[in-house]
Amino acid sequence: MRRWLTGIVLGTAATLALVGCGRPAGTDGDLVDDWAPMAAPTIFTPEADTCHAQPQEVGYLRAYAPVDCEQPHRAETLHVGELTDVDGAKPPASGSAGARTAFSECDRAARTALGGDWRTGRIALTVIFPSPPAWTGGARWFRCDAHEMRGLDAPVPERRTGSLSGALAGSSKLRYGCFNAVMKGDEVTEMVAVKCSARHRAEFVGIWQAPKTSYSEFLKNADQTHRACRSVIAKFAKIPDDGNLKYRVGTIFYHPSQDEWRSGNRGVQCFLWNNERALTRSVKGAGTGLLPIN
């Protein structure tokens, strides 16, 4: 049966070949130039000003499912950039030139979109690169995603509705304010946020941009960081930045992780610490009356 079917097919093909020796009407005999050119392959690039139900660490296409920012979500893409002249078979690693370039652009874009430095409030910034297969295929984009965080010591993305655009412009519930420090000996184990009208001993005063040193060198030089944060306090509280400053206030600081540091984030969060007495107002612009020499 199988040989018979094959014979019929071959016979039919031979008959068609004999019949088709003439040129069909309306053709020029050149089969190649009658095909439409194939479209150039396109590389997927995510969109800015979109929100996502869950945060990502790697930009896998299968996980890309943006939602309306008015719907519940945990991440928002503030900016999408592109790396040029970047070598390597894999996406940029922490500390590489590509990672530093991407972070720098994301940092600027986030400040513009949020209306202030994202490190002054409960906002985290994540740089997301394409997946390794997408990078191999030519993708060179990076995403700048922001997340509202649960707290200073709880870097967990909160579920929210509404865009973060302008979230740090003017007064904002996301801005860091006053705290009570939980201590274990001389070590701060937690900073509990409270209203500045409530009794407290600590207050966020601003960001110190640390110099370009190695991470290990930065960690070894904590005294320099405390001195720098005292200067930030002096500007915030409008008190003299002199030799008596260390007798007026103490300092607490939070610093970036090693990977963040190597990729360009050297913003140190500075806090005033008043061990002498509790305060019931912000020290912003308060002067020496509220912060006397002790």
C-alpha atoms as a PDB file:
ATOM      1  CA  MET A   1       0.000   0.000   0.000  1.00  0.00           C
ATOM      2  CA  ARG A   2       2.771   2.429   0.913  1.00  0.00           C
ATOM      3  CA  ARG A   3       4.680   1.838  -2.348  1.00  0.00           C
ATOM      4  CA  TRP A   4       1.496   2.376  -4.336  1.00  0.00           C
ATOM      5  CA  LEU A   5       0.831   5.747  -2.689  1.00  0.00           C
ATOM      6  CA  THR A   6       4.393   6.791  -3.352  1.00  0.00           C
ATOM      7  CA  GLY A   7       4.075   5.843  -6.993  1.00  0.00           C
ATOM      8  CA  ILE A   8       0.922   7.905  -7.366  1.00  0.00           C
ATOM      9  CA  VAL A   9       2.621  10.967  -5.805  1.00  0.00           C
ATOM     10  CA  LEU A  10       5.652  10.631  -8.021  1.00  0.00           C
ATOM     11  CA  GLY A  11       3.530  10.138 -11.092  1.00  0.00           C
ATOM     12  CA  THR A  12       1.448  13.174 -10.292  1.00  0.00           C
ATOM     13  CA  ALA A  13       4.565  15.235  -9.675  1.00  0.00           C
ATOM     14  CA  ALA A  14       5.989  14.175 -13.023  1.00  0.00           C
ATOM     15  CA  THR A  15       2.731  15.112 -14.759  1.00  0.00           C
ATOM     16  CA  LEU A  16       2.742  18.525 -13.086  1.00  0.00           C
ATOM     17  CA  ALA A  17       6.342  19.046 -14.085  1.00  0.00           C
ATOM     18  CA  LEU A  18       5.487  18.352 -17.717  1.00  0.00           C
ATOM     19  CA  VAL A  19       2.476  20.626 -17.662  1.00  0.00           C
ATOM     20  CA  GLY A  20       4.379  23.402 -15.906  1.00  0.00           C
ATOM     21  CA  CYS A  21       7.121  23.781 -18.477  1.00  0.00           C
ATOM     22  CA  GLY A  22       5.504  26.906 -19.890  1.00  0.00           C
ATOM     23  CA  ARG A  23       5.765  30.311 -18.149  1.00  0.00           C
ATOM     24  CA  PRO A  24       2.518  31.257 -16.308  1.00  0.00           C
ATOM     25  CA  ALA A  25       0.854  34.442 -17.472  1.00  0.00           C
ATOM     26  CA  GLY A  26       1.908  37.581 -15.610  1.00  0.00           C
ATOM     27  CA  THR A  27       5.298  36.293 -14.439  1.00  0.00           C
ATOM     28  CA  ASP A  28       8.820  37.127 -15.563  1.00  0.00           C
ATOM     29  CA  GLY A  29      10.417  33.773 -14.818  1.00  0.00           C
ATOM     30  CA  ASP A  30      12.487  35.164 -11.926  1.00  0.00           C
ATOM     31  CA  LEU A  31      11.151  33.706  -8.673  1.00  0.00           C
ATOM     32  CA  VAL A  32      13.600  35.548  -6.401  1.00  0.00           C
ATOM     33  CA  ASP A  33      12.467  39.143  -6.997  1.00  0.00           C
ATOM     34  CA  ASP A  34       8.778  38.301  -6.407  1.00  0.00           C
ATOM     35  CA  TRP A  35       9.276  37.653  -2.629  1.00  0.00           C
ATOM     36  CA  ALA A  36       8.696  40.531  -0.213  1.00  0.00           C
ATOM     37  CA  PRO A  37      11.868  41.370   1.771  1.00  0.00           C
ATOM     38  CA  MET A  38      11.958  39.989   5.316  1.00  0.00           C
ATOM     39  CA  ALA A  39      11.636  42.580   8.070  1.00  0.00           C
ATOM     40  CA  ALA A  40      14.716  43.220  10.175  1.00  0.00           C
ATOM     41  CA  PRO A  41      14.473  41.502  13.577  1.00  0.00           C
ATOM     42  CA  THR A  42      13.497  43.842  16.414  1.00  0.00           C
ATOM     43  CA  ILE A  43      14.860  43.743  19.950  1.00  0.00           C
ATOM     44  CA  PHE A  44      12.384  44.074  22.783  1.00  0.00           C
ATOM     45  CA  THR A  45      12.798  47.220  24.877  1.00  0.00           C
ATOM     46  CA  PRO A  46      10.642  47.906  27.966  1.00  0.00           C
ATOM     47  CA  GLU A  47       8.720  51.154  28.363  1.00  0.00           C
ATOM     48  CA  ALA A  48       9.216  53.903  30.931  1.00  0.00           C
ATOM     49  CA  ASP A  49       6.395  55.306  33.069  1.00  0.00           C
ATOM     50  CA  THR A  50       4.945  51.849  33.626  1.00  0.00           C
ATOM     51  CA  CYS A  51       4.191  49.934  36.818  1.00  0.00           C
ATOM     52  CA  HIS A  52       4.630  46.275  37.702  1.00  0.00           C
ATOM     53  CA  ALA A  53       2.823  44.002  40.125  1.00  0.00           C
ATOM     54  CA  GLN A  54       6.109  42.547  41.360  1.00  0.00           C
ATOM     55  CA  PRO A  55       9.692  43.850  41.311  1.00  0.00           C
ATOM     56  CA  GLN A  56      12.303  42.199  39.100  1.00  0.00           C
ATOM     57  CA  GLU A  57      16.025  41.710  39.477  1.00  0.00           C
ATOM     58  CA  VAL A  58      16.606  40.599  35.876  1.00  0.00           C
ATOM     59  CA  GLY A  59      14.596  41.823  32.904  1.00  0.00           C
ATOM     60  CA  TYR A  60      13.221  38.504  31.659  1.00  0.00           C
ATOM     61  CA  LEU A  61      10.733  39.031  28.843  1.00  0.00           C
ATOM     62  CA  ARG A  62       8.442  36.273  30.106  1.00  0.00           C
ATOM     63  CA  ALA A  63       8.018  38.192  33.377  1.00  0.00           C
ATOM     64  CA  TYR A  64       7.309  41.535  31.722  1.00  0.00           C
ATOM     65  CA  ALA A  65       3.664  42.336  32.448  1.00  0.00           C
ATOM     66  CA  PRO A  66       3.178  46.076  33.126  1.00  0.00           C
ATOM     67  CA  VAL A  67       0.003  47.258  34.830  1.00  0.00           C
ATOM     68  CA  ASP A  68      -1.756  50.593  35.125  1.00  0.00           C
ATOM     69  CA  CYS A  69      -0.096  52.601  37.908  1.00  0.00           C
ATOM     70  CA  GLU A  70      -3.521  53.236  39.440  1.00  0.00           C
ATOM     71  CA  GLN A  71      -3.757  49.492  40.054  1.00  0.00           C
ATOM     72  CA  PRO A  72      -1.947  47.845  42.995  1.00  0.00           C
ATOM     73  CA  HIS A  73       1.747  47.355  42.215  1.00  0.00           C
ATOM     74  CA  ARG A  74       5.160  47.141  43.885  1.00  0.00           C
ATOM     75  CA  ALA A  75       7.495  48.643  41.276  1.00  0.00           C
ATOM     76  CA  GLU A  76       7.531  51.516  38.811  1.00  0.00           C
ATOM     77  CA  THR A  77       9.852  52.051  35.849  1.00  0.00           C
ATOM     78  CA  LEU A  78      10.842  55.717  35.958  1.00  0.00           C
ATOM     79  CA  HIS A  79      13.288  55.629  33.053  1.00  0.00           C
ATOM     80  CA  VAL A  80      14.676  53.321  30.380  1.00  0.00           C
ATOM     81  CA  GLY A  81      18.184  53.973  29.059  1.00  0.00           C
ATOM     82  CA  GLU A  82      20.562  52.348  26.609  1.00  0.00           C
ATOM     83  CA  LEU A  83      24.207  51.414  26.975  1.00  0.00           C
ATOM     84  CA  THR A  84      26.484  52.062  24.022  1.00  0.00           C
ATOM     85  CA  ASP A  85      30.001  50.772  23.367  1.00  0.00           C
ATOM     86  CA  VAL A  86      29.686  48.136  26.083  1.00  0.00           C
ATOM     87  CA  ASP A  87      31.677  44.960  25.580  1.00  0.00           C
ATOM     88  CA  GLY A  88      31.134  41.610  27.228  1.00  0.00           C
ATOM     89  CA  ALA A  89      29.133  38.475  26.634  1.00  0.00           C
ATOM     90  CA  LYS A  90      26.983  39.056  29.732  1.00  0.00           C
ATOM     91  CA  PRO A  91      25.053  42.005  31.177  1.00  0.00           C
ATOM     92  CA  PRO A  92      27.210  44.402  33.265  1.00  0.00           C
ATOM     93  CA  ALA A  93      28.278  43.028  36.622  1.00  0.00           C
ATOM     94  CA  SER A  94      28.343  45.010  39.846  1.00  0.00           C
ATOM     95  CA  GLY A  95      31.197  47.505  39.796  1.00  0.00           C
ATOM     96  CA  SER A  96      31.706  47.403  36.021  1.00  0.00           C
ATOM     97  CA  ALA A  97      31.835  50.534  33.884  1.00  0.00           C
ATOM     98  CA  GLY A  98      28.448  49.646  32.387  1.00  0.00           C
ATOM     99  CA  ALA A  99      26.845  49.255  35.813  1.00  0.00           C
ATOM    100  CA  ARG A 100      28.237  52.611  36.950  1.00  0.00           C
ATOM    101  CA  THR A 101      27.025  54.341  33.796  1.00  0.00           C
ATOM    102  CA  ALA A 102      23.538  52.875  34.179  1.00  0.00           C
ATOM    103  CA  PHE A 103      23.312  53.776  37.879  1.00  0.00           C
ATOM    104  CA  SER A 104      24.425  57.346  37.243  1.00  0.00           C
ATOM    105  CA  GLU A 105      21.727  57.832  34.608  1.00  0.00           C
ATOM    106  CA  CYS A 106      19.090  56.144  36.780  1.00  0.00           C
ATOM    107  CA  ASP A 107      20.059  58.317  39.746  1.00  0.00           C
ATOM    108  CA  ARG A 108      19.596  61.522  37.728  1.00  0.00           C
ATOM    109  CA  ALA A 109      16.352  60.319  36.175  1.00  0.00           C
ATOM    110  CA  ALA A 110      14.930  59.258  39.547  1.00  0.00           C
ATOM    111  CA  ARG A 111      15.692  62.627  41.154  1.00  0.00           C
ATOM    112  CA  THR A 112      13.922  64.390  38.308  1.00  0.00           C
ATOM    113  CA  ALA A 113      10.899  62.089  38.354  1.00  0.00           C
ATOM    114  CA  LEU A 114      10.521  62.009  42.140  1.00  0.00           C
ATOM    115  CA  GLY A 115      11.231  65.679  42.783  1.00  0.00           C
ATOM    116  CA  GLY A 116      14.108  64.957  45.160  1.00  0.00           C
ATOM    117  CA  ASP A 117      16.893  62.568  46.113  1.00  0.00           C
ATOM    118  CA  TRP A 118      15.330  59.106  46.436  1.00  0.00           C
ATOM    119  CA  ARG A 119      17.637  58.337  49.379  1.00  0.00           C
ATOM    120  CA  THR A 120      15.873  60.986  51.502  1.00  0.00           C
ATOM    121  CA  GLY A 121      12.727  58.870  51.746  1.00  0.00           C
ATOM    122  CA  ARG A 122      11.308  55.367  51.802  1.00  0.00           C
ATOM    123  CA  ILE A 123      12.193  54.747  48.179  1.00  0.00           C
ATOM    124  CA  ALA A 124      14.651  52.265  46.722  1.00  0.00           C
ATOM    125  CA  LEU A 125      16.138  52.428  43.243  1.00  0.00           C
ATOM    126  CA  THR A 126      16.989  49.302  41.254  1.00  0.00           C
ATOM    127  CA  VAL A 127      18.856  49.078  37.947  1.00  0.00           C
ATOM    128  CA  ILE A 128      17.603  46.158  35.845  1.00  0.00           C
ATOM    129  CA  PHE A 129      19.487  44.755  32.854  1.00  0.00           C
ATOM    130  CA  PRO A 130      18.240  42.351  30.150  1.00  0.00           C
ATOM    131  CA  SER A 131      18.486  38.614  30.694  1.00  0.00           C
ATOM    132  CA  PRO A 132      21.735  36.969  29.519  1.00  0.00           C
ATOM    133  CA  PRO A 133      20.059  35.481  26.380  1.00  0.00           C
ATOM    134  CA  ALA A 134      18.564  38.879  25.491  1.00  0.00           C
ATOM    135  CA  TRP A 135      21.941  40.545  26.036  1.00  0.00           C
ATOM    136  CA  THR A 136      23.576  37.982  23.746  1.00  0.00           C
ATOM    137  CA  GLY A 137      20.889  38.795  21.185  1.00  0.00           C
ATOM    138  CA  GLY A 138      21.853  42.467  21.202  1.00  0.00           C
ATOM    139  CA  ALA A 139      19.651  44.035  23.911  1.00  0.00           C
ATOM    140  CA  ARG A 140      21.506  46.927  25.589  1.00  0.00           C
ATOM    141  CA  TRP A 141      18.703  48.632  27.527  1.00  0.00           C
ATOM    142  CA  PHE A 142      18.478  49.110  31.280  1.00  0.00           C
ATOM    143  CA  ARG A 143      15.463  49.887  33.452  1.00  0.00           C
ATOM    144  CA  CYS A 144      15.401  52.298  36.392  1.00  0.00           C
ATOM    145  CA  ASP A 145      12.775  50.921  38.777  1.00  0.00           C
ATOM    146  CA  ALA A 146      11.649  52.604  42.006  1.00  0.00           C
ATOM    147  CA  HIS A 147       9.921  50.941  44.945  1.00  0.00           C
ATOM    148  CA  GLU A 148       8.190  52.369  47.989  1.00  0.00           C
ATOM    149  CA  MET A 149       9.828  50.659  50.940  1.00  0.00           C
ATOM    150  CA  ARG A 150       8.204  49.586  54.191  1.00  0.00           C
ATOM    151  CA  GLY A 151      10.792  51.382  56.322  1.00  0.00           C
ATOM    152  CA  LEU A 152      14.408  52.380  56.832  1.00  0.00           C
ATOM    153  CA  ASP A 153      15.248  48.990  58.322  1.00  0.00           C
ATOM    154  CA  ALA A 154      12.670  47.069  56.311  1.00  0.00           C
ATOM    155  CA  PRO A 155      13.725  47.236  52.625  1.00  0.00           C
ATOM    156  CA  VAL A 156      10.598  45.399  51.492  1.00  0.00           C
ATOM    157  CA  PRO A 157       8.674  46.827  48.500  1.00  0.00           C
ATOM    158  CA  GLU A 158       5.232  47.985  49.603  1.00  0.00           C
ATOM    159  CA  ARG A 159       2.079  47.395  47.581  1.00  0.00           C
ATOM    160  CA  ARG A 160       0.754  50.790  46.500  1.00  0.00           C
ATOM    161  CA  THR A 161      -1.492  52.560  44.015  1.00  0.00           C
ATOM    162  CA  GLY A 162      -0.592  55.704  42.113  1.00  0.00           C
ATOM    163  CA  SER A 163       2.645  56.789  40.470  1.00  0.00           C
ATOM    164  CA  LEU A 164       5.713  57.856  42.444  1.00  0.00           C
ATOM    165  CA  SER A 165       6.168  60.804  40.089  1.00  0.00           C
ATOM    166  CA  GLY A 166       6.684  63.919  42.225  1.00  0.00           C
ATOM    167  CA  ALA A 167       6.455  61.849  45.421  1.00  0.00           C
ATOM    168  CA  LEU A 168       9.324  63.723  47.112  1.00  0.00           C
ATOM    169  CA  ALA A 169       8.412  67.212  45.942  1.00  0.00           C
ATOM    170  CA  GLY A 170       7.482  69.373  48.938  1.00  0.00           C
ATOM    171  CA  SER A 171       6.191  67.682  52.068  1.00  0.00           C
ATOM    172  CA  SER A 172       5.716  63.956  51.664  1.00  0.00           C
ATOM    173  CA  LYS A 173       4.802  61.056  53.922  1.00  0.00           C
ATOM    174  CA  LEU A 174       7.598  59.146  52.224  1.00  0.00           C
ATOM    175  CA  ARG A 175      10.307  61.524  53.445  1.00  0.00           C
ATOM    176  CA  TYR A 176      12.400  60.438  56.412  1.00  0.00           C
ATOM    177  CA  GLY A 177      11.802  62.496  59.537  1.00  0.00           C
ATOM    178  CA  CYS A 178      12.226  61.720  63.221  1.00  0.00           C
ATOM    179  CA  PHE A 179      13.125  58.404  64.836  1.00  0.00           C
ATOM    180  CA  ASN A 180      13.778  56.612  68.074  1.00  0.00           C
ATOM    181  CA  ALA A 181      16.852  54.435  67.908  1.00  0.00           C
ATOM    182  CA  VAL A 182      16.778  50.937  69.381  1.00  0.00           C
ATOM    183  CA  MET A 183      20.211  50.325  70.880  1.00  0.00           C
ATOM    184  CA  LYS A 184      22.187  47.253  71.825  1.00  0.00           C
ATOM    185  CA  GLY A 185      25.166  48.625  73.671  1.00  0.00           C
ATOM    186  CA  ASP A 186      26.660  51.232  71.348  1.00  0.00           C
ATOM    187  CA  GLU A 187      25.114  49.651  68.263  1.00  0.00           C
ATOM    188  CA  VAL A 188      21.914  50.883  66.632  1.00  0.00           C
ATOM    189  CA  THR A 189      19.814  47.835  65.776  1.00  0.00           C
ATOM    190  CA  GLU A 190      16.705  49.619  64.500  1.00  0.00           C
ATOM    191  CA  MET A 191      15.378  53.095  63.767  1.00  0.00           C
ATOM    192  CA  VAL A 192      11.675  53.400  64.615  1.00  0.00           C
ATOM    193  CA  ALA A 193       9.953  56.256  62.755  1.00  0.00           C
ATOM    194  CA  VAL A 194       7.817  58.607  64.905  1.00  0.00           C
ATOM    195  CA  LYS A 195       6.209  62.001  64.427  1.00  0.00           C
ATOM    196  CA  CYS A 196       8.590  64.830  65.213  1.00  0.00           C
ATOM    197  CA  SER A 197       6.030  66.142  67.727  1.00  0.00           C
ATOM    198  CA  ALA A 198       6.440  62.915  69.708  1.00  0.00           C
ATOM    199  CA  ARG A 199       9.402  62.280  72.004  1.00  0.00           C
ATOM    200  CA  HIS A 200      12.414  61.226  69.962  1.00  0.00           C
ATOM    201  CA  ARG A 201      16.198  61.376  69.961  1.00  0.00           C
ATOM    202  CA  ALA A 202      17.098  61.031  66.272  1.00  0.00           C
ATOM    203  CA  GLU A 203      16.254  62.851  63.054  1.00  0.00           C
ATOM    204  CA  PHE A 204      17.233  62.423  59.417  1.00  0.00           C
ATOM    205  CA  VAL A 205      19.148  65.510  58.255  1.00  0.00           C
ATOM    206  CA  GLY A 206      20.404  64.766  54.730  1.00  0.00           C
ATOM    207  CA  ILE A 207      22.816  62.956  52.420  1.00  0.00           C
ATOM    208  CA  TRP A 208      26.604  63.113  52.428  1.00  0.00           C
ATOM    209  CA  GLN A 209      28.228  62.152  49.142  1.00  0.00           C
ATOM    210  CA  ALA A 210      31.289  60.146  50.134  1.00  0.00           C
ATOM    211  CA  PRO A 211      34.500  60.418  48.068  1.00  0.00           C
ATOM    212  CA  LYS A 212      35.594  57.873  45.483  1.00  0.00           C
ATOM    213  CA  THR A 213      37.452  55.372  47.613  1.00  0.00           C
ATOM    214  CA  SER A 214      37.333  51.611  47.923  1.00  0.00           C
ATOM    215  CA  TYR A 215      34.512  50.190  50.010  1.00  0.00           C
ATOM    216  CA  SER A 216      36.940  48.749  52.546  1.00  0.00           C
ATOM    217  CA  GLU A 217      38.630  52.137  52.904  1.00  0.00           C
ATOM    218  CA  PHE A 218      35.272  53.791  53.477  1.00  0.00           C
ATOM    219  CA  LEU A 219      34.349  51.290  56.204  1.00  0.00           C
ATOM    220  CA  LYS A 220      37.691  51.793  57.975  1.00  0.00           C
ATOM    221  CA  ASN A 221      37.222  55.558  58.080  1.00  0.00           C
ATOM    222  CA  ALA A 222      34.010  55.833  60.104  1.00  0.00           C
ATOM    223  CA  ASP A 223      35.296  58.912  61.949  1.00  0.00           C
ATOM    224  CA  GLN A 224      35.446  60.822  58.666  1.00  0.00           C
ATOM    225  CA  THR A 225      31.839  59.868  57.946  1.00  0.00           C
ATOM    226  CA  HIS A 226      30.692  61.005  61.405  1.00  0.00           C
ATOM    227  CA  ARG A 227      32.501  64.339  60.911  1.00  0.00           C
ATOM    228  CA  ALA A 228      30.905  64.782  57.506  1.00  0.00           C
ATOM    229  CA  CYS A 229      27.441  64.014  58.924  1.00  0.00           C
ATOM    230  CA  ARG A 230      27.977  66.583  61.678  1.00  0.00           C
ATOM    231  CA  SER A 231      28.529  69.164  58.935  1.00  0.00           C
ATOM    232  CA  VAL A 232      25.263  68.072  57.313  1.00  0.00           C
ATOM    233  CA  ILE A 233      23.551  68.511  60.707  1.00  0.00           C
ATOM    234  CA  ALA A 234      25.037  71.995  61.124  1.00  0.00           C
ATOM    235  CA  LYS A 235      23.613  73.100  57.799  1.00  0.00           C
ATOM    236  CA  PHE A 236      20.229  71.494  58.519  1.00  0.00           C
ATOM    237  CA  ALA A 237      19.881  72.934  62.053  1.00  0.00           C
ATOM    238  CA  LYS A 238      21.665  76.248  61.308  1.00  0.00           C
ATOM    239  CA  ILE A 239      24.288  75.868  64.021  1.00  0.00           C
ATOM    240  CA  PRO A 240      28.022  76.637  63.795  1.00  0.00           C
ATOM    241  CA  ASP A 241      30.111  73.987  62.049  1.00  0.00           C
ATOM    242  CA  ASP A 242      33.026  74.316  64.430  1.00  0.00           C
ATOM    243  CA  GLY A 243      34.965  72.415  67.080  1.00  0.00           C
ATOM    244  CA  ASN A 244      32.053  72.586  69.507  1.00  0.00           C
ATOM    245  CA  LEU A 245      29.664  70.808  67.150  1.00  0.00           C
ATOM    246  CA  LYS A 246      30.555  67.359  68.489  1.00  0.00           C
ATOM    247  CA  TYR A 247      29.534  68.558  71.980  1.00  0.00           C
ATOM    248  CA  ARG A 248      26.103  69.576  70.698  1.00  0.00           C
ATOM    249  CA  VAL A 249      25.020  66.510  68.734  1.00  0.00           C
ATOM    250  CA  GLY A 250      25.836  62.898  68.017  1.00  0.00           C
ATOM    251  CA  THR A 251      25.513  61.167  64.666  1.00  0.00           C
ATOM    252  CA  ILE A 252      24.114  57.974  63.176  1.00  0.00           C
ATOM    253  CA  PHE A 253      24.654  57.063  59.538  1.00  0.00           C
ATOM    254  CA  TYR A 254      23.415  54.445  57.079  1.00  0.00           C
ATOM    255  CA  HIS A 255      25.583  53.588  54.084  1.00  0.00           C
ATOM    256  CA  PRO A 256      25.151  51.714  50.770  1.00  0.00           C
ATOM    257  CA  SER A 257      25.920  48.020  50.404  1.00  0.00           C
ATOM    258  CA  GLN A 258      29.163  46.922  48.792  1.00  0.00           C
ATOM    259  CA  ASP A 259      27.506  46.181  45.443  1.00  0.00           C
ATOM    260  CA  GLU A 260      25.733  49.563  45.488  1.00  0.00           C
ATOM    261  CA  TRP A 261      28.975  51.326  46.377  1.00  0.00           C
ATOM    262  CA  ARG A 262      30.940  49.634  43.597  1.00  0.00           C
ATOM    263  CA  SER A 263      28.231  50.546  41.074  1.00  0.00           C
ATOM    264  CA  GLY A 264      28.347  54.243  41.984  1.00  0.00           C
ATOM    265  CA  ASN A 265      26.031  54.860  44.943  1.00  0.00           C
ATOM    266  CA  ARG A 266      28.076  56.648  47.602  1.00  0.00           C
ATOM    267  CA  GLY A 267      25.191  58.512  49.241  1.00  0.00           C
ATOM    268  CA  VAL A 268      25.409  58.233  53.047  1.00  0.00           C
ATOM    269  CA  GLN A 269      22.218  58.923  55.012  1.00  0.00           C
ATOM    270  CA  CYS A 270      23.005  61.143  58.017  1.00  0.00           C
ATOM    271  CA  PHE A 271      20.972  61.337  61.236  1.00  0.00           C
ATOM    272  CA  LEU A 272      21.237  63.604  64.248  1.00  0.00           C
ATOM    273  CA  TRP A 273      21.462  61.731  67.542  1.00  0.00           C
ATOM    274  CA  ASN A 274      20.679  63.500  70.838  1.00  0.00           C
ATOM    275  CA  ASN A 275      21.667  61.321  73.742  1.00  0.00           C
ATOM    276  CA  GLU A 276      21.207  64.054  76.370  1.00  0.00           C
ATOM    277  CA  ARG A 277      17.461  64.565  76.144  1.00  0.00           C
ATOM    278  CA  ALA A 278      14.434  63.749  74.050  1.00  0.00           C
ATOM    279  CA  LEU A 279      13.139  66.279  71.548  1.00  0.00           C
ATOM    280  CA  THR A 280       9.539  67.043  70.609  1.00  0.00           C
ATOM    281  CA  ARG A 281      10.114  69.039  67.421  1.00  0.00           C
ATOM    282  CA  SER A 282      12.319  68.968  64.368  1.00  0.00           C
ATOM    283  CA  VAL A 283      15.736  70.606  64.702  1.00  0.00           C
ATOM    284  CA  LYS A 284      15.527  72.004  61.175  1.00  0.00           C
ATOM    285  CA  GLY A 285      16.627  75.644  61.395  1.00  0.00           C
ATOM    286  CA  ALA A 286      16.330  75.525  65.203  1.00  0.00           C
ATOM    287  CA  GLY A 287      19.741  77.039  65.977  1.00  0.00           C
ATOM    288  CA  THR A 288      21.865  76.675  69.072  1.00  0.00           C
ATOM    289  CA  GLY A 289      18.978  77.207  71.504  1.00  0.00           C
ATOM    290  CA  LEU A 290      17.628  73.729  70.871  1.00  0.00           C
ATOM    291  CA  LEU A 291      21.081  72.161  70.577  1.00  0.00           C
ATOM    292  CA  PRO A 292      23.287  73.693  73.276  1.00  0.00           C
ATOM    293  CA  ILE A 293      26.838  72.626  74.076  1.00  0.00           C
ATOM    294  CA  ASN A 294      26.771  69.765  76.572  1.00  0.00           C
END
